[in-house]
Protein backbone atom coordinates (compact mmCIF):
# COMPACT_ATOMS: atom_id res chain seq x y z
CA MET A 1 -50.05 -3.05 44.42
CA GLN A 2 -46.31 -4.13 43.94
CA ASN A 3 -45.60 -5.49 40.29
CA PRO A 4 -44.39 -8.86 41.60
CA PHE A 5 -42.20 -8.55 38.34
CA ALA A 6 -40.57 -5.57 39.74
CA ARG A 7 -37.71 -7.09 41.19
CA GLU A 8 -36.53 -9.65 39.03
CA ARG A 9 -33.75 -7.95 37.82
CA SER A 10 -31.28 -10.84 36.57
CA LEU A 11 -30.55 -12.83 33.61
CA GLY A 12 -34.16 -14.29 34.28
CA VAL A 13 -33.57 -15.73 37.50
CA SER A 14 -35.41 -14.60 40.72
CA ARG A 15 -33.53 -13.30 44.32
CA THR A 16 -34.57 -16.79 46.15
CA ARG A 17 -34.14 -19.24 43.37
CA ARG A 18 -33.73 -19.85 39.44
CA ARG A 19 -37.09 -20.88 38.08
CA TYR A 20 -38.94 -20.36 35.12
CA ASP A 21 -42.59 -18.86 35.10
CA LEU A 22 -42.51 -21.18 31.86
CA PRO A 23 -42.50 -24.64 31.58
CA LEU A 24 -39.70 -24.39 28.68
CA ASN A 25 -38.19 -27.24 30.31
CA LYS A 26 -40.73 -29.50 29.29
CA ALA A 27 -40.94 -27.92 25.58
CA GLY A 28 -40.08 -30.02 22.95
CA GLY A 29 -37.45 -30.08 20.78
CA THR A 30 -35.69 -29.09 23.47
CA GLY A 31 -33.20 -32.24 22.62
CA PHE A 32 -32.90 -31.14 19.55
CA LEU A 33 -31.42 -27.64 19.46
CA THR A 34 -28.85 -28.88 22.03
CA LEU A 35 -27.82 -31.66 19.43
CA LEU A 36 -27.72 -29.04 16.84
CA ILE A 37 -25.36 -26.41 18.25
CA GLY A 38 -22.98 -29.54 19.92
CA LEU A 39 -23.09 -30.14 15.88
CA MET A 40 -22.25 -26.30 14.92
CA THR A 41 -19.50 -26.19 18.03
CA PHE A 42 -18.14 -29.19 16.22
CA LEU A 43 -18.06 -27.67 13.32
CA ALA A 44 -16.95 -24.24 14.16
CA LEU A 45 -13.78 -26.53 16.18
CA LEU A 46 -12.55 -28.45 13.00
CA ALA A 47 -12.55 -25.08 10.79
CA LEU A 48 -10.83 -22.04 13.61
CA SER A 49 -8.57 -25.44 13.83
CA ALA A 50 -7.76 -25.52 10.23
CA SER A 51 -7.71 -21.82 9.76
CA PHE A 52 -4.40 -22.43 12.83
CA VAL A 53 -2.57 -25.04 11.48
CA LEU A 54 -2.52 -23.44 7.99
CA SER A 55 -1.68 -19.99 9.52
CA ALA A 56 1.07 -22.01 11.51
CA MET A 57 2.30 -24.28 8.47
CA THR A 58 2.02 -21.00 6.64
CA ASP A 59 4.51 -19.05 8.84
CA ARG A 60 7.04 -22.07 9.20
CA TRP A 61 7.47 -22.30 5.74
CA SER A 62 8.05 -18.72 4.69
CA SER A 63 10.20 -17.77 7.48
CA GLY A 64 12.54 -21.32 6.57
CA LEU A 65 12.65 -19.75 3.19
CA GLU A 66 13.47 -16.00 4.02
CA ASN A 67 16.43 -14.97 1.67
CA ARG A 68 17.39 -19.05 0.84
CA VAL A 69 17.69 -20.22 -2.62
CA THR A 70 18.43 -23.50 -3.63
CA ILE A 71 21.53 -24.28 -6.18
CA GLU A 72 20.30 -27.83 -8.49
CA ILE A 73 23.16 -29.17 -11.16
CA PRO A 74 21.18 -31.47 -13.02
CA ALA A 75 22.85 -34.89 -13.55
CA GLU A 76 24.00 -34.57 -17.10
CA ASN A 77 25.53 -31.80 -18.90
CA GLU A 78 24.58 -29.21 -22.03
CA ALA A 79 25.08 -32.39 -24.16
CA GLY A 80 23.16 -34.83 -22.18
CA LYS A 81 25.73 -36.33 -21.09
CA ILE A 82 24.74 -38.23 -17.77
CA LEU A 83 27.58 -37.18 -15.56
CA SER A 84 29.23 -39.48 -12.56
CA SER A 85 29.12 -38.61 -9.16
CA GLU A 86 32.55 -37.52 -9.05
CA GLU A 87 32.00 -35.25 -11.47
CA THR A 88 28.91 -33.99 -9.55
CA LYS A 89 30.43 -33.62 -6.41
CA LYS A 90 33.30 -31.67 -8.29
CA THR A 91 30.84 -29.40 -9.72
CA GLY A 92 29.44 -28.59 -6.75
CA LEU A 93 32.62 -27.83 -4.60
CA LYS A 94 33.25 -25.30 -7.84
CA ILE A 95 29.91 -23.84 -7.14
CA GLU A 96 30.30 -23.21 -3.42
CA SER A 97 33.22 -21.87 -3.17
CA LEU A 98 31.80 -19.20 -5.94
CA LEU A 99 29.17 -18.66 -3.39
CA THR A 100 31.57 -18.52 -0.52
CA SER A 101 33.42 -15.64 -1.53
CA HIS A 102 30.45 -13.69 -3.06
CA PRO A 103 29.62 -10.85 -0.19
CA ALA A 104 25.91 -11.76 -0.69
CA VAL A 105 26.65 -15.18 0.80
CA LEU A 106 26.33 -15.49 4.66
CA ARG A 107 26.02 -19.77 4.72
CA THR A 108 25.63 -22.49 2.49
CA HIS A 109 25.68 -26.65 2.47
CA ILE A 110 26.14 -29.44 -0.08
CA MET A 111 23.30 -31.21 0.38
CA THR A 112 24.61 -35.46 0.99
CA ASP A 113 22.92 -38.41 -1.47
CA GLU A 114 21.74 -39.61 1.95
CA GLU A 115 20.06 -36.04 1.92
CA ILE A 116 18.21 -36.31 -1.51
CA ARG A 117 17.16 -39.60 -1.20
CA GLU A 118 15.68 -38.34 1.62
CA LEU A 119 14.13 -35.43 0.01
CA VAL A 120 12.95 -37.62 -3.19
CA LYS A 121 11.32 -40.49 -0.76
CA PRO A 122 7.92 -39.53 -0.41
CA TRP A 123 7.68 -38.90 -4.36
CA LEU A 124 9.60 -42.11 -5.47
CA GLY A 125 9.13 -44.47 -2.07
CA GLU A 126 11.74 -46.39 0.12
CA ASN A 127 11.68 -49.72 -1.54
CA LEU A 128 12.85 -47.52 -5.22
CA MET A 129 16.07 -48.50 -6.07
CA LEU A 130 17.98 -45.15 -5.34
CA GLY A 131 21.34 -46.39 -5.56
CA LYS A 132 21.27 -46.55 -9.56
CA ILE A 133 19.34 -43.47 -10.64
CA PRO A 134 21.90 -40.79 -11.40
CA LEU A 135 21.11 -37.89 -8.44
CA PRO A 136 21.30 -34.24 -9.30
CA GLY A 137 23.42 -31.72 -6.56
CA LEU A 138 21.77 -29.31 -4.65
CA ILE A 139 23.39 -26.42 -2.29
CA SER A 140 21.30 -24.35 0.02
CA ALA A 141 22.62 -21.00 0.40
CA GLU A 142 21.31 -18.13 2.62
CA LEU A 143 21.75 -14.66 1.32
CA GLN A 144 22.20 -11.61 3.45
CA GLU A 145 19.24 -9.55 0.57
CA MET A 146 17.67 -11.53 -2.01
CA THR A 147 17.25 -8.94 -4.81
CA PRO A 148 17.01 -9.92 -8.52
CA GLU A 149 20.24 -8.30 -9.01
CA THR A 150 22.16 -10.37 -6.42
CA ILE A 151 19.71 -13.45 -7.88
CA GLN A 152 21.34 -12.04 -11.49
CA ILE A 153 24.79 -11.97 -10.09
CA LEU A 154 25.35 -15.53 -8.88
CA GLU A 155 23.22 -17.01 -11.87
CA LYS A 156 25.52 -15.69 -14.64
CA LYS A 157 28.50 -16.84 -12.58
CA ILE A 158 27.12 -20.18 -11.89
CA LYS A 159 26.02 -20.77 -15.50
CA ALA A 160 29.53 -19.52 -16.39
CA ILE A 161 30.87 -23.65 -14.83
CA HIS A 162 28.54 -25.55 -15.33
CA LYS A 163 25.14 -23.73 -18.09
CA THR A 164 23.21 -26.63 -17.31
CA ALA A 165 23.21 -25.33 -13.91
CA ARG A 166 19.96 -23.33 -12.06
CA ILE A 167 19.07 -20.95 -8.99
CA ASP A 168 15.21 -22.18 -7.43
CA THR A 169 14.59 -19.07 -5.26
CA HIS A 170 10.81 -20.91 -4.09
CA GLU A 171 9.21 -17.81 -4.61
CA GLU A 172 6.66 -19.08 -7.91
CA TRP A 173 5.60 -22.12 -5.87
CA LEU A 174 5.52 -20.54 -2.28
CA GLY A 175 3.59 -18.09 -3.77
CA ASP A 176 1.09 -20.59 -5.39
CA LEU A 177 1.20 -22.15 -1.65
CA LEU A 178 0.81 -18.81 0.37
CA ARG A 179 -1.76 -18.56 -2.44
CA PHE A 180 -3.54 -21.79 -1.66
CA THR A 181 -3.54 -21.28 1.63
CA GLY A 182 -4.76 -18.16 2.26
CA ALA A 183 -7.74 -19.32 0.32
CA LEU A 184 -8.44 -22.10 2.86
CA GLN A 185 -8.34 -19.76 5.23
CA PHE A 186 -10.73 -18.13 3.49
CA ALA A 187 -13.29 -20.59 3.07
CA ALA A 188 -12.86 -21.62 6.80
CA PHE A 189 -13.77 -17.82 7.99
CA ILE A 190 -16.63 -18.09 6.06
CA LEU A 191 -17.64 -21.73 6.92
CA ALA A 192 -17.10 -20.11 10.45
CA LEU A 193 -19.64 -17.29 10.01
CA VAL A 194 -21.84 -19.51 8.03
CA ILE A 195 -21.78 -21.57 10.85
CA GLY A 196 -22.95 -18.21 13.53
CA LEU A 197 -25.68 -17.27 11.43
CA ALA A 198 -27.12 -21.28 11.45
CA THR A 199 -27.50 -20.91 15.05
CA ILE A 200 -29.14 -17.48 15.57
CA THR A 201 -30.97 -19.23 13.10
CA ALA A 202 -32.08 -21.81 14.79
CA VAL A 203 -31.86 -20.18 17.68
CA ALA A 204 -34.60 -17.88 16.88
CA GLY A 205 -37.01 -20.56 15.12
CA ALA A 206 -36.72 -22.86 18.34
CA VAL A 207 -37.78 -19.27 20.75
CA ARG A 208 -40.37 -18.37 18.29
CA SER A 209 -41.53 -21.89 18.80
CA HIS A 210 -41.95 -21.57 21.78
CA MET A 211 -43.35 -18.89 21.96
CA ALA A 212 -46.24 -19.83 19.63
CA VAL A 213 -46.74 -23.35 22.02
CA TYR A 214 -46.95 -20.93 25.26
CA HIS A 215 -48.32 -18.28 23.82
CA ALA A 216 -51.22 -18.01 26.47
CA GLU A 217 -48.98 -17.63 29.27
CA VAL A 218 -47.16 -15.48 27.82
CA GLU A 219 -49.43 -12.92 26.91
CA LEU A 220 -51.19 -13.59 30.51
CA LEU A 221 -47.18 -12.64 32.15
CA HIS A 222 -47.71 -9.74 29.90
CA LEU A 223 -51.07 -8.73 31.00
CA MET A 224 -50.35 -9.39 34.93
CA GLY A 225 -47.26 -6.94 34.17
CA ALA A 226 -44.25 -8.98 33.87
CA HIS A 227 -41.84 -6.43 31.50
CA ASP A 228 -40.78 -7.73 28.07
CA SER A 229 -37.13 -8.14 29.66
CA TYR A 230 -38.49 -9.97 32.80
CA ILE A 231 -40.25 -12.36 30.30
CA SER A 232 -37.11 -12.67 26.89
CA ARG A 233 -35.11 -13.42 30.02
CA GLN A 234 -36.80 -16.47 30.52
CA PHE A 235 -35.97 -17.70 27.33
CA GLN A 236 -32.70 -16.15 27.64
CA ARG A 237 -31.84 -18.31 30.12
CA HIS A 238 -32.78 -21.00 28.67
CA SER A 239 -31.24 -21.43 25.76
CA LEU A 240 -28.01 -19.68 27.31
CA SER A 241 -27.78 -23.27 29.02
CA LEU A 242 -28.98 -25.32 25.92
CA ALA A 243 -25.93 -23.61 23.73
CA PHE A 244 -23.32 -24.31 26.78
CA GLN A 245 -24.24 -27.87 27.27
CA GLY A 246 -24.26 -27.98 23.21
CA GLY A 247 -21.24 -26.25 22.93
CA LEU A 248 -19.65 -28.30 25.77
CA CYS A 249 -19.97 -32.03 23.75
CA GLY A 250 -19.05 -30.30 20.38
CA VAL A 251 -15.78 -29.01 21.95
CA ALA A 252 -15.24 -32.36 23.38
CA ILE A 253 -15.95 -34.63 20.62
CA GLY A 254 -14.21 -31.74 18.59
CA GLY A 255 -10.94 -32.68 20.65
CA LEU A 256 -10.80 -35.92 20.42
CA CYS A 257 -11.21 -35.76 16.90
CA LEU A 258 -7.77 -34.16 16.35
CA LEU A 259 -6.35 -35.72 19.39
CA ILE A 260 -6.86 -38.81 16.73
CA ILE A 261 -6.09 -36.81 13.51
CA GLY A 262 -2.72 -35.99 15.29
CA TRP A 263 -1.62 -39.35 15.94
CA ILE A 264 -2.38 -40.57 12.18
CA SER A 265 -0.67 -37.01 11.25
CA GLY A 266 2.16 -38.86 13.52
CA GLU A 267 1.83 -41.91 12.39
CA MET A 268 2.12 -41.45 8.92
CA GLY A 269 5.87 -39.92 9.37
CA VAL A 270 5.20 -37.98 6.44
CA SER A 271 7.59 -34.75 6.01
CA LEU A 272 5.86 -32.78 3.17
CA LEU A 273 3.45 -31.36 6.28
CA PRO A 274 4.49 -29.79 9.46
CA ASP A 275 3.23 -31.40 12.62
CA PHE A 276 -0.58 -31.15 13.74
CA ARG A 277 0.29 -29.13 16.67
CA MET A 278 -1.07 -25.44 18.09
CA GLY A 279 -0.34 -23.85 20.25
CA TYR A 280 -2.15 -22.59 24.17
CA LEU A 281 -3.90 -18.88 22.96
CA GLN A 282 -4.91 -21.22 20.03
CA LEU A 283 -6.21 -23.74 22.33
CA GLY A 284 -7.35 -21.53 24.79
CA VAL A 285 -9.80 -19.63 21.63
CA LEU A 286 -11.27 -23.58 21.33
CA ALA A 287 -11.63 -23.54 24.97
CA THR A 288 -14.01 -20.81 25.16
CA LEU A 289 -16.07 -21.90 22.39
CA PRO A 290 -19.09 -23.26 24.42
CA VAL A 291 -18.65 -20.11 26.21
CA PHE A 292 -19.53 -17.90 22.43
CA MET A 293 -21.69 -19.99 21.21
CA ALA A 294 -23.87 -19.68 24.76
CA LEU A 295 -23.59 -15.78 24.68
CA ILE A 296 -24.64 -15.41 20.79
CA SER A 297 -28.01 -17.85 21.29
CA ALA A 298 -29.00 -15.48 24.17
CA LEU A 299 -28.83 -12.58 22.30
CA ALA A 300 -30.18 -14.51 19.13
CA ALA A 301 -33.54 -15.63 21.96
CA ARG A 302 -33.26 -12.10 23.20
CA GLN A 303 -33.60 -9.99 20.78
CA THR A 304 -36.47 -12.81 19.54
CA VAL A 305 -38.24 -12.55 22.04
CA LEU A 306 -39.00 -9.01 22.53
CA LYS A 307 -39.20 -9.08 19.02
CA VAL A 308 -42.06 -10.84 19.69
CA LEU A 309 -43.72 -9.22 22.45
CA ARG A 310 -43.89 -5.56 20.52
CA LYS A 311 -45.91 -6.84 18.25
CA MET A 312 -48.17 -8.02 21.59
CA PRO A 313 -51.25 -6.08 22.94
């Protein structure tokens, strides 16, 4: 007698029309599993988006400050006397002349009072009377190569002009920033890993529950000669369909949230943070999340079913 299941070779699908030999579509808990996978996809999308934005932020700030230093001229001298705006500008011109004559310096820029006010606005606010506050002088310089020897030589010459002037290489706060963003990226990776494991656990639990409900039907198929792979494809296809539906809902809601976050960050007009943008490759990765969730759900269902079937007579 020919085995009626011998010709079933696709993903739980007959050659004529897709069908379930088990009434899995009518099983309880399918809606909850879809909702759970949708929530997991939503969280995974947010975690990956945060990781992408942090990576872009780190690259942008690191490349923008590479081989760059800032010379600060305090608004008071070593005796504590407040310098006038004219005195600060004269000192800035002397330091700029020194920098431009040095072979290690590529270019310099003396920041105007308006540029300095724009820098301090995020901390001091726009309504503060900045015109009455003595502003320091700031000079941005780009070096050919930033070495400790070059910094020491420049600092010594600059202090000969103005003793309280100092060079900021941005290394200290940039190092703290890189460590902080690295920790956040690692946390986002761990969160994505936990979400994946939680999804696998949820699907495996749901499959075990369905197999317990339809234990008699599964055992009958087994006794009639259905291969383990054929039975597993029933659950595999069912889990893949539910996971893909939940993944699509999660990505849709997550994408809407990202659009709202991007709009809010743009409306804030705060210059401390970079634009909330991602490249096409990163958006493509986020768009494939439903497929990824469906695949791991199908794989989890298959392994769970085969493990249970091995224990059957």
